[in-house]
Amino acid sequence: METEIDSFRAGLYALLAALLLESPKPELLTQLRSMEGLLEFGLQEELAKALQELAQAAAIEPSELEQEFHDLFIGITRGELLPYGSWYLSGSLHGASLARLREDLHALGIEREPKQPEPEDHIAAISEVLALLIKERDARQREVFAKHLAPWASRFFDDLEKTHAARFYRAVAKVGKIFLGLESRYLGLER
Protein backbone atom coordinates (compact mmCIF):
# COMPACT_ATOMS: atom_id res chain seq x y z
CA MET A 1 0.00 0.00 0.00
CA GLU A 2 1.33 3.40 -0.99
CA THR A 3 1.91 5.79 1.93
CA GLU A 4 0.88 9.44 1.86
CA ILE A 5 4.54 10.45 1.65
CA ASP A 6 5.19 8.08 -1.24
CA SER A 7 2.08 9.28 -3.03
CA PHE A 8 3.29 12.88 -2.67
CA ARG A 9 6.82 11.97 -3.82
CA ALA A 10 5.52 10.09 -6.87
CA GLY A 11 3.19 12.97 -7.70
CA LEU A 12 5.97 15.53 -7.47
CA TYR A 13 8.24 13.46 -9.73
CA ALA A 14 5.36 13.12 -12.21
CA LEU A 15 4.75 16.87 -12.07
CA LEU A 16 8.42 17.67 -12.70
CA ALA A 17 8.43 15.22 -15.60
CA ALA A 18 5.36 16.85 -17.14
CA LEU A 19 6.79 20.36 -16.74
CA LEU A 20 10.22 19.49 -18.15
CA LEU A 21 9.24 17.26 -21.07
CA GLU A 22 7.12 19.82 -22.92
CA SER A 23 5.52 23.20 -22.47
CA PRO A 24 2.66 22.68 -20.01
CA LYS A 25 -0.84 22.66 -21.45
CA PRO A 26 -3.40 25.20 -20.14
CA GLU A 27 -5.13 22.44 -18.12
CA LEU A 28 -1.94 21.76 -16.17
CA LEU A 29 -1.44 25.48 -15.53
CA THR A 30 -5.00 25.64 -14.17
CA GLN A 31 -4.26 22.72 -11.84
CA LEU A 32 -1.07 24.40 -10.66
CA ARG A 33 -2.86 27.67 -9.96
CA SER A 34 -5.47 25.79 -7.92
CA MET A 35 -2.70 24.51 -5.61
CA GLU A 36 -2.17 27.98 -4.20
CA GLY A 37 -3.30 28.04 -0.60
CA LEU A 38 -3.73 24.25 -0.41
CA LEU A 39 -0.16 23.29 0.40
CA GLU A 40 0.18 23.67 4.13
CA PHE A 41 -0.67 20.06 5.08
CA GLY A 42 2.59 19.19 6.81
CA LEU A 43 4.98 19.99 3.99
CA GLN A 44 8.47 21.11 4.79
CA GLU A 45 8.21 24.92 4.89
CA GLU A 46 10.75 25.65 2.16
CA LEU A 47 9.08 23.19 -0.25
CA ALA A 48 5.61 24.54 0.57
CA LYS A 49 6.81 28.07 -0.19
CA ALA A 50 8.41 26.97 -3.49
CA LEU A 51 5.20 25.19 -4.53
CA GLN A 52 3.23 28.36 -3.70
CA GLU A 53 5.59 30.32 -5.97
CA LEU A 54 5.05 27.74 -8.72
CA ALA A 55 1.28 28.09 -8.31
CA GLN A 56 1.62 31.85 -8.69
CA ALA A 57 3.98 31.53 -11.67
CA ALA A 58 1.36 29.38 -13.40
CA ALA A 59 -0.61 32.57 -14.10
CA ILE A 60 1.64 32.98 -17.17
CA GLU A 61 0.01 33.16 -20.59
CA PRO A 62 0.32 29.81 -22.41
CA SER A 63 1.89 31.46 -25.47
CA GLU A 64 4.56 33.11 -23.26
CA LEU A 65 5.23 29.78 -21.60
CA GLU A 66 5.60 28.04 -24.96
CA GLN A 67 8.19 30.65 -25.97
CA GLU A 68 9.99 30.29 -22.65
CA PHE A 69 10.11 26.49 -23.01
CA HIS A 70 11.37 26.85 -26.58
CA ASP A 71 14.11 29.29 -25.59
CA LEU A 72 15.22 27.17 -22.65
CA PHE A 73 15.12 23.66 -24.09
CA ILE A 74 14.78 23.77 -27.88
CA GLY A 75 16.10 27.00 -29.41
CA ILE A 76 16.93 27.49 -33.07
CA THR A 77 19.94 25.20 -32.95
CA ARG A 78 19.70 24.32 -29.24
CA GLY A 79 18.15 25.75 -26.11
CA GLU A 80 19.94 27.50 -23.28
CA LEU A 81 20.03 24.24 -21.33
CA LEU A 82 20.48 20.58 -22.12
CA PRO A 83 18.45 18.59 -19.57
CA TYR A 84 20.42 15.36 -19.95
CA GLY A 85 22.46 13.49 -17.39
CA SER A 86 25.20 12.66 -19.89
CA TRP A 87 25.68 16.36 -20.63
CA TYR A 88 26.07 17.25 -16.97
CA LEU A 89 28.24 14.25 -16.14
CA SER A 90 30.60 14.20 -19.13
CA GLY A 91 29.98 17.36 -21.16
CA SER A 92 28.71 15.40 -24.16
CA LEU A 93 25.46 13.74 -25.15
CA HIS A 94 24.95 9.98 -25.30
CA GLY A 95 27.92 9.18 -23.06
CA ALA A 96 28.75 6.26 -20.81
CA SER A 97 26.28 7.42 -18.16
CA LEU A 98 23.43 7.00 -20.66
CA ALA A 99 24.62 3.47 -21.45
CA ARG A 100 24.68 2.61 -17.72
CA LEU A 101 21.19 4.07 -17.29
CA ARG A 102 19.91 2.00 -20.21
CA GLU A 103 21.38 -1.14 -18.64
CA ASP A 104 19.72 -0.36 -15.31
CA LEU A 105 16.38 0.41 -16.96
CA HIS A 106 16.58 -2.87 -18.87
CA ALA A 107 17.21 -4.70 -15.58
CA LEU A 108 14.11 -2.98 -14.16
CA GLY A 109 12.06 -4.08 -17.18
CA ILE A 110 11.55 -0.48 -18.31
CA GLU A 111 11.78 0.26 -22.01
CA ARG A 112 11.90 3.56 -23.84
CA GLU A 113 8.64 4.54 -25.46
CA PRO A 114 9.21 4.19 -29.23
CA LYS A 115 7.54 7.54 -30.02
CA GLN A 116 9.65 9.42 -27.46
CA PRO A 117 12.50 11.27 -29.21
CA GLU A 118 14.33 12.19 -26.00
CA PRO A 119 17.04 9.86 -24.68
CA GLU A 120 16.45 8.11 -21.38
CA ASP A 121 18.75 10.43 -19.45
CA HIS A 122 16.45 13.42 -19.98
CA ILE A 123 15.53 14.70 -16.52
CA ALA A 124 11.82 14.21 -17.30
CA ALA A 125 12.35 10.56 -18.26
CA ILE A 126 14.27 9.76 -15.09
CA SER A 127 11.60 11.57 -13.05
CA GLU A 128 8.91 9.42 -14.71
CA VAL A 129 10.90 6.28 -13.85
CA LEU A 130 11.20 7.33 -10.22
CA ALA A 131 7.47 8.10 -10.02
CA LEU A 132 6.76 4.62 -11.35
CA LEU A 133 9.19 2.90 -8.95
CA ILE A 134 7.71 4.77 -5.98
CA LYS A 135 4.15 3.82 -6.98
CA GLU A 136 5.27 0.19 -7.28
CA ARG A 137 7.08 0.45 -3.91
CA ASP A 138 10.22 -0.81 -5.63
CA ALA A 139 13.23 -0.46 -3.32
CA ARG A 140 15.46 0.12 -6.35
CA GLN A 141 14.17 3.72 -6.44
CA ARG A 142 17.00 4.62 -4.07
CA GLU A 143 19.64 3.18 -6.42
CA VAL A 144 18.14 4.86 -9.49
CA PHE A 145 18.02 8.20 -7.70
CA ALA A 146 21.56 7.84 -6.30
CA LYS A 147 23.13 6.75 -9.60
CA HIS A 148 21.15 8.57 -12.24
CA LEU A 149 19.66 11.77 -10.80
CA ALA A 150 21.47 12.86 -7.64
CA PRO A 151 24.92 13.31 -9.27
CA TRP A 152 23.76 16.04 -11.65
CA ALA A 153 20.15 17.20 -11.31
CA SER A 154 20.83 19.85 -8.65
CA ARG A 155 23.32 21.51 -11.01
CA PHE A 156 20.69 21.40 -13.76
CA PHE A 157 18.14 23.11 -11.49
CA ASP A 158 20.76 25.68 -10.43
CA ASP A 159 21.43 26.45 -14.09
CA LEU A 160 17.72 26.59 -14.89
CA GLU A 161 17.12 29.03 -12.04
CA LYS A 162 19.85 31.34 -13.37
CA THR A 163 19.00 31.33 -17.07
CA HIS A 164 18.04 34.54 -18.78
CA ALA A 165 14.89 33.08 -20.37
CA ALA A 166 13.45 31.51 -17.20
CA ARG A 167 10.44 33.09 -15.63
CA PHE A 168 7.96 30.29 -14.96
CA TYR A 169 10.81 27.79 -15.02
CA ARG A 170 12.65 29.66 -12.29
CA ALA A 171 9.87 28.49 -9.96
CA VAL A 172 10.10 24.95 -11.39
CA ALA A 173 13.85 25.00 -10.71
CA LYS A 174 13.32 26.05 -7.12
CA VAL A 175 10.82 23.25 -6.50
CA GLY A 176 13.11 20.72 -8.18
CA LYS A 177 16.19 21.76 -6.22
CA ILE A 178 14.43 21.72 -2.84
CA PHE A 179 12.70 18.43 -3.59
CA LEU A 180 15.97 16.74 -4.60
CA GLY A 181 17.56 17.82 -1.33
CA LEU A 182 14.63 16.40 0.63
CA GLU A 183 14.76 13.18 -1.43
CA SER A 184 18.45 12.74 -0.66
CA ARG A 185 17.69 12.94 3.05
CA TYR A 186 14.54 10.80 2.78
CA LEU A 187 16.43 8.06 0.94
CA GLY A 188 19.29 8.20 3.44
CA LEU A 189 21.87 9.52 1.00
CA GLU A 190 22.62 12.72 2.91
CA ARG A 191 23.31 12.95 6.59
C-alpha atoms as a PDB file:
ATOM      1  CA  MET A   1       0.000   0.000   0.000  1.00  0.00           C
ATOM      2  CA  GLU A   2       1.331   3.400  -0.987  1.00  0.00           C
ATOM      3  CA  THR A   3       1.910   5.789   1.927  1.00  0.00           C
ATOM      4  CA  GLU A   4       0.878   9.439   1.860  1.00  0.00           C
ATOM      5  CA  ILE A   5       4.544  10.451   1.647  1.00  0.00           C
ATOM      6  CA  ASP A   6       5.188   8.076  -1.237  1.00  0.00           C
ATOM      7  CA  SER A   7       2.079   9.278  -3.029  1.00  0.00           C
ATOM      8  CA  PHE A   8       3.288  12.877  -2.675  1.00  0.00           C
ATOM      9  CA  ARG A   9       6.816  11.967  -3.822  1.00  0.00           C
ATOM     10  CA  ALA A  10       5.525  10.089  -6.872  1.00  0.00           C
ATOM     11  CA  GLY A  11       3.186  12.968  -7.696  1.00  0.00           C
ATOM     12  CA  LEU A  12       5.974  15.533  -7.471  1.00  0.00           C
ATOM     13  CA  TYR A  13       8.236  13.462  -9.735  1.00  0.00           C
ATOM     14  CA  ALA A  14       5.363  13.117 -12.215  1.00  0.00           C
ATOM     15  CA  LEU A  15       4.752  16.872 -12.068  1.00  0.00           C
ATOM     16  CA  LEU A  16       8.419  17.671 -12.696  1.00  0.00           C
ATOM     17  CA  ALA A  17       8.425  15.216 -15.601  1.00  0.00           C
ATOM     18  CA  ALA A  18       5.355  16.854 -17.138  1.00  0.00           C
ATOM     19  CA  LEU A  19       6.787  20.365 -16.742  1.00  0.00           C
ATOM     20  CA  LEU A  20      10.215  19.486 -18.146  1.00  0.00           C
ATOM     21  CA  LEU A  21       9.238  17.264 -21.069  1.00  0.00           C
ATOM     22  CA  GLU A  22       7.122  19.823 -22.924  1.00  0.00           C
ATOM     23  CA  SER A  23       5.524  23.196 -22.472  1.00  0.00           C
ATOM     24  CA  PRO A  24       2.660  22.683 -20.006  1.00  0.00           C
ATOM     25  CA  LYS A  25      -0.839  22.662 -21.445  1.00  0.00           C
ATOM     26  CA  PRO A  26      -3.400  25.199 -20.136  1.00  0.00           C
ATOM     27  CA  GLU A  27      -5.128  22.439 -18.119  1.00  0.00           C
ATOM     28  CA  LEU A  28      -1.939  21.755 -16.166  1.00  0.00           C
ATOM     29  CA  LEU A  29      -1.442  25.475 -15.530  1.00  0.00           C
ATOM     30  CA  THR A  30      -4.995  25.644 -14.173  1.00  0.00           C
ATOM     31  CA  GLN A  31      -4.261  22.723 -11.845  1.00  0.00           C
ATOM     32  CA  LEU A  32      -1.066  24.397 -10.662  1.00  0.00           C
ATOM     33  CA  ARG A  33      -2.862  27.673  -9.958  1.00  0.00           C
ATOM     34  CA  SER A  34      -5.472  25.794  -7.923  1.00  0.00           C
ATOM     35  CA  MET A  35      -2.696  24.511  -5.613  1.00  0.00           C
ATOM     36  CA  GLU A  36      -2.171  27.979  -4.204  1.00  0.00           C
ATOM     37  CA  GLY A  37      -3.302  28.042  -0.604  1.00  0.00           C
ATOM     38  CA  LEU A  38      -3.728  24.252  -0.407  1.00  0.00           C
ATOM     39  CA  LEU A  39      -0.161  23.293   0.395  1.00  0.00           C
ATOM     40  CA  GLU A  40       0.179  23.665   4.134  1.00  0.00           C
ATOM     41  CA  PHE A  41      -0.673  20.064   5.084  1.00  0.00           C
ATOM     42  CA  GLY A  42       2.588  19.188   6.810  1.00  0.00           C
ATOM     43  CA  LEU A  43       4.984  19.985   3.991  1.00  0.00           C
ATOM     44  CA  GLN A  44       8.471  21.106   4.786  1.00  0.00           C
ATOM     45  CA  GLU A  45       8.210  24.917   4.891  1.00  0.00           C
ATOM     46  CA  GLU A  46      10.747  25.648   2.159  1.00  0.00           C
ATOM     47  CA  LEU A  47       9.075  23.193  -0.246  1.00  0.00           C
ATOM     48  CA  ALA A  48       5.607  24.540   0.565  1.00  0.00           C
ATOM     49  CA  LYS A  49       6.810  28.065  -0.190  1.00  0.00           C
ATOM     50  CA  ALA A  50       8.408  26.966  -3.491  1.00  0.00           C
ATOM     51  CA  LEU A  51       5.202  25.191  -4.528  1.00  0.00           C
ATOM     52  CA  GLN A  52       3.227  28.360  -3.704  1.00  0.00           C
ATOM     53  CA  GLU A  53       5.590  30.318  -5.965  1.00  0.00           C
ATOM     54  CA  LEU A  54       5.046  27.742  -8.716  1.00  0.00           C
ATOM     55  CA  ALA A  55       1.283  28.088  -8.313  1.00  0.00           C
ATOM     56  CA  GLN A  56       1.622  31.853  -8.686  1.00  0.00           C
ATOM     57  CA  ALA A  57       3.982  31.535 -11.667  1.00  0.00           C
ATOM     58  CA  ALA A  58       1.364  29.378 -13.403  1.00  0.00           C
ATOM     59  CA  ALA A  59      -0.610  32.574 -14.098  1.00  0.00           C
ATOM     60  CA  ILE A  60       1.637  32.980 -17.170  1.00  0.00           C
ATOM     61  CA  GLU A  61       0.012  33.161 -20.590  1.00  0.00           C
ATOM     62  CA  PRO A  62       0.317  29.813 -22.409  1.00  0.00           C
ATOM     63  CA  SER A  63       1.893  31.464 -25.465  1.00  0.00           C
ATOM     64  CA  GLU A  64       4.556  33.109 -23.259  1.00  0.00           C
ATOM     65  CA  LEU A  65       5.231  29.777 -21.598  1.00  0.00           C
ATOM     66  CA  GLU A  66       5.601  28.038 -24.960  1.00  0.00           C
ATOM     67  CA  GLN A  67       8.187  30.646 -25.972  1.00  0.00           C
ATOM     68  CA  GLU A  68       9.994  30.295 -22.646  1.00  0.00           C
ATOM     69  CA  PHE A  69      10.109  26.495 -23.008  1.00  0.00           C
ATOM     70  CA  HIS A  70      11.368  26.849 -26.583  1.00  0.00           C
ATOM     71  CA  ASP A  71      14.108  29.289 -25.591  1.00  0.00           C
ATOM     72  CA  LEU A  72      15.221  27.165 -22.647  1.00  0.00           C
ATOM     73  CA  PHE A  73      15.120  23.656 -24.086  1.00  0.00           C
ATOM     74  CA  ILE A  74      14.784  23.772 -27.880  1.00  0.00           C
ATOM     75  CA  GLY A  75      16.100  27.000 -29.411  1.00  0.00           C
ATOM     76  CA  ILE A  76      16.934  27.491 -33.067  1.00  0.00           C
ATOM     77  CA  THR A  77      19.939  25.199 -32.953  1.00  0.00           C
ATOM     78  CA  ARG A  78      19.705  24.319 -29.245  1.00  0.00           C
ATOM     79  CA  GLY A  79      18.147  25.754 -26.113  1.00  0.00           C
ATOM     80  CA  GLU A  80      19.938  27.503 -23.283  1.00  0.00           C
ATOM     81  CA  LEU A  81      20.027  24.241 -21.330  1.00  0.00           C
ATOM     82  CA  LEU A  82      20.482  20.580 -22.123  1.00  0.00           C
ATOM     83  CA  PRO A  83      18.447  18.592 -19.573  1.00  0.00           C
ATOM     84  CA  TYR A  84      20.424  15.360 -19.953  1.00  0.00           C
ATOM     85  CA  GLY A  85      22.460  13.489 -17.389  1.00  0.00           C
ATOM     86  CA  SER A  86      25.202  12.657 -19.888  1.00  0.00           C
ATOM     87  CA  TRP A  87      25.683  16.363 -20.632  1.00  0.00           C
ATOM     88  CA  TYR A  88      26.074  17.247 -16.971  1.00  0.00           C
ATOM     89  CA  LEU A  89      28.243  14.248 -16.145  1.00  0.00           C
ATOM     90  CA  SER A  90      30.596  14.201 -19.133  1.00  0.00           C
ATOM     91  CA  GLY A  91      29.978  17.361 -21.156  1.00  0.00           C
ATOM     92  CA  SER A  92      28.708  15.404 -24.164  1.00  0.00           C
ATOM     93  CA  LEU A  93      25.464  13.741 -25.145  1.00  0.00           C
ATOM     94  CA  HIS A  94      24.955   9.979 -25.296  1.00  0.00           C
ATOM     95  CA  GLY A  95      27.919   9.183 -23.062  1.00  0.00           C
ATOM     96  CA  ALA A  96      28.747   6.258 -20.815  1.00  0.00           C
ATOM     97  CA  SER A  97      26.276   7.417 -18.162  1.00  0.00           C
ATOM     98  CA  LEU A  98      23.426   7.001 -20.662  1.00  0.00           C
ATOM     99  CA  ALA A  99      24.624   3.470 -21.453  1.00  0.00           C
ATOM    100  CA  ARG A 100      24.679   2.614 -17.719  1.00  0.00           C
ATOM    101  CA  LEU A 101      21.188   4.075 -17.289  1.00  0.00           C
ATOM    102  CA  ARG A 102      19.905   2.003 -20.214  1.00  0.00           C
ATOM    103  CA  GLU A 103      21.375  -1.136 -18.637  1.00  0.00           C
ATOM    104  CA  ASP A 104      19.716  -0.359 -15.311  1.00  0.00           C
ATOM    105  CA  LEU A 105      16.376   0.413 -16.960  1.00  0.00           C
ATOM    106  CA  HIS A 106      16.577  -2.872 -18.875  1.00  0.00           C
ATOM    107  CA  ALA A 107      17.212  -4.703 -15.578  1.00  0.00           C
ATOM    108  CA  LEU A 108      14.109  -2.982 -14.163  1.00  0.00           C
ATOM    109  CA  GLY A 109      12.061  -4.079 -17.183  1.00  0.00           C
ATOM    110  CA  ILE A 110      11.551  -0.481 -18.314  1.00  0.00           C
ATOM    111  CA  GLU A 111      11.781   0.262 -22.014  1.00  0.00           C
ATOM    112  CA  ARG A 112      11.905   3.555 -23.836  1.00  0.00           C
ATOM    113  CA  GLU A 113       8.639   4.538 -25.461  1.00  0.00           C
ATOM    114  CA  PRO A 114       9.213   4.193 -29.231  1.00  0.00           C
ATOM    115  CA  LYS A 115       7.542   7.538 -30.023  1.00  0.00           C
ATOM    116  CA  GLN A 116       9.653   9.420 -27.462  1.00  0.00           C
ATOM    117  CA  PRO A 117      12.497  11.272 -29.213  1.00  0.00           C
ATOM    118  CA  GLU A 118      14.329  12.189 -25.996  1.00  0.00           C
ATOM    119  CA  PRO A 119      17.042   9.860 -24.683  1.00  0.00           C
ATOM    120  CA  GLU A 120      16.445   8.106 -21.381  1.00  0.00           C
ATOM    121  CA  ASP A 121      18.754  10.426 -19.450  1.00  0.00           C
ATOM    122  CA  HIS A 122      16.449  13.419 -19.979  1.00  0.00           C
ATOM    123  CA  ILE A 123      15.526  14.699 -16.524  1.00  0.00           C
ATOM    124  CA  ALA A 124      11.825  14.209 -17.296  1.00  0.00           C
ATOM    125  CA  ALA A 125      12.349  10.560 -18.264  1.00  0.00           C
ATOM    126  CA  ILE A 126      14.272   9.763 -15.085  1.00  0.00           C
ATOM    127  CA  SER A 127      11.600  11.566 -13.051  1.00  0.00           C
ATOM    128  CA  GLU A 128       8.914   9.418 -14.706  1.00  0.00           C
ATOM    129  CA  VAL A 129      10.897   6.278 -13.854  1.00  0.00           C
ATOM    130  CA  LEU A 130      11.197   7.333 -10.217  1.00  0.00           C
ATOM    131  CA  ALA A 131       7.469   8.104 -10.019  1.00  0.00           C
ATOM    132  CA  LEU A 132       6.761   4.615 -11.349  1.00  0.00           C
ATOM    133  CA  LEU A 133       9.192   2.903  -8.948  1.00  0.00           C
ATOM    134  CA  ILE A 134       7.709   4.766  -5.981  1.00  0.00           C
ATOM    135  CA  LYS A 135       4.152   3.820  -6.983  1.00  0.00           C
ATOM    136  CA  GLU A 136       5.269   0.194  -7.278  1.00  0.00           C
ATOM    137  CA  ARG A 137       7.076   0.446  -3.914  1.00  0.00           C
ATOM    138  CA  ASP A 138      10.222  -0.813  -5.625  1.00  0.00           C
ATOM    139  CA  ALA A 139      13.234  -0.465  -3.316  1.00  0.00           C
ATOM    140  CA  ARG A 140      15.461   0.122  -6.348  1.00  0.00           C
ATOM    141  CA  GLN A 141      14.170   3.715  -6.442  1.00  0.00           C
ATOM    142  CA  ARG A 142      17.003   4.623  -4.070  1.00  0.00           C
ATOM    143  CA  GLU A 143      19.643   3.181  -6.416  1.00  0.00           C
ATOM    144  CA  VAL A 144      18.142   4.862  -9.492  1.00  0.00           C
ATOM    145  CA  PHE A 145      18.017   8.201  -7.698  1.00  0.00           C
ATOM    146  CA  ALA A 146      21.556   7.842  -6.303  1.00  0.00           C
ATOM    147  CA  LYS A 147      23.125   6.747  -9.599  1.00  0.00           C
ATOM    148  CA  HIS A 148      21.147   8.566 -12.244  1.00  0.00           C
ATOM    149  CA  LEU A 149      19.659  11.769 -10.804  1.00  0.00           C
ATOM    150  CA  ALA A 150      21.475  12.864  -7.638  1.00  0.00           C
ATOM    151  CA  PRO A 151      24.924  13.310  -9.266  1.00  0.00           C
ATOM    152  CA  TRP A 152      23.761  16.040 -11.647  1.00  0.00           C
ATOM    153  CA  ALA A 153      20.148  17.203 -11.308  1.00  0.00           C
ATOM    154  CA  SER A 154      20.826  19.852  -8.655  1.00  0.00           C
ATOM    155  CA  ARG A 155      23.315  21.510 -11.012  1.00  0.00           C
ATOM    156  CA  PHE A 156      20.689  21.403 -13.760  1.00  0.00           C
ATOM    157  CA  PHE A 157      18.141  23.107 -11.494  1.00  0.00           C
ATOM    158  CA  ASP A 158      20.764  25.683 -10.426  1.00  0.00           C
ATOM    159  CA  ASP A 159      21.433  26.454 -14.090  1.00  0.00           C
ATOM    160  CA  LEU A 160      17.718  26.590 -14.887  1.00  0.00           C
ATOM    161  CA  GLU A 161      17.115  29.028 -12.044  1.00  0.00           C
ATOM    162  CA  LYS A 162      19.847  31.342 -13.367  1.00  0.00           C
ATOM    163  CA  THR A 163      18.999  31.328 -17.074  1.00  0.00           C
ATOM    164  CA  HIS A 164      18.040  34.537 -18.784  1.00  0.00           C
ATOM    165  CA  ALA A 165      14.891  33.082 -20.367  1.00  0.00           C
ATOM    166  CA  ALA A 166      13.455  31.511 -17.197  1.00  0.00           C
ATOM    167  CA  ARG A 167      10.436  33.093 -15.632  1.00  0.00           C
ATOM    168  CA  PHE A 168       7.955  30.286 -14.957  1.00  0.00           C
ATOM    169  CA  TYR A 169      10.808  27.785 -15.022  1.00  0.00           C
ATOM    170  CA  ARG A 170      12.646  29.665 -12.287  1.00  0.00           C
ATOM    171  CA  ALA A 171       9.865  28.491  -9.957  1.00  0.00           C
ATOM    172  CA  VAL A 172      10.101  24.951 -11.390  1.00  0.00           C
ATOM    173  CA  ALA A 173      13.853  24.998 -10.712  1.00  0.00           C
ATOM    174  CA  LYS A 174      13.319  26.048  -7.115  1.00  0.00           C
ATOM    175  CA  VAL A 175      10.816  23.254  -6.504  1.00  0.00           C
ATOM    176  CA  GLY A 176      13.108  20.721  -8.175  1.00  0.00           C
ATOM    177  CA  LYS A 177      16.189  21.757  -6.216  1.00  0.00           C
ATOM    178  CA  ILE A 178      14.433  21.722  -2.843  1.00  0.00           C
ATOM    179  CA  PHE A 179      12.698  18.430  -3.595  1.00  0.00           C
ATOM    180  CA  LEU A 180      15.973  16.742  -4.596  1.00  0.00           C
ATOM    181  CA  GLY A 181      17.556  17.821  -1.326  1.00  0.00           C
ATOM    182  CA  LEU A 182      14.634  16.396   0.628  1.00  0.00           C
ATOM    183  CA  GLU A 183      14.760  13.182  -1.429  1.00  0.00           C
ATOM    184  CA  SER A 184      18.452  12.736  -0.662  1.00  0.00           C
ATOM    185  CA  ARG A 185      17.689  12.936   3.049  1.00  0.00           C
ATOM    186  CA  TYR A 186      14.542  10.795   2.782  1.00  0.00           C
ATOM    187  CA  LEU A 187      16.433   8.056   0.937  1.00  0.00           C
ATOM    188  CA  GLY A 188      19.292   8.196   3.441  1.00  0.00           C
ATOM    189  CA  LEU A 189      21.871   9.521   1.001  1.00  0.00           C
ATOM    190  CA  GLU A 190      22.622  12.719   2.914  1.00  0.00           C
ATOM    191  CA  ARG A 191      23.312  12.945   6.588  1.00  0.00           C
END
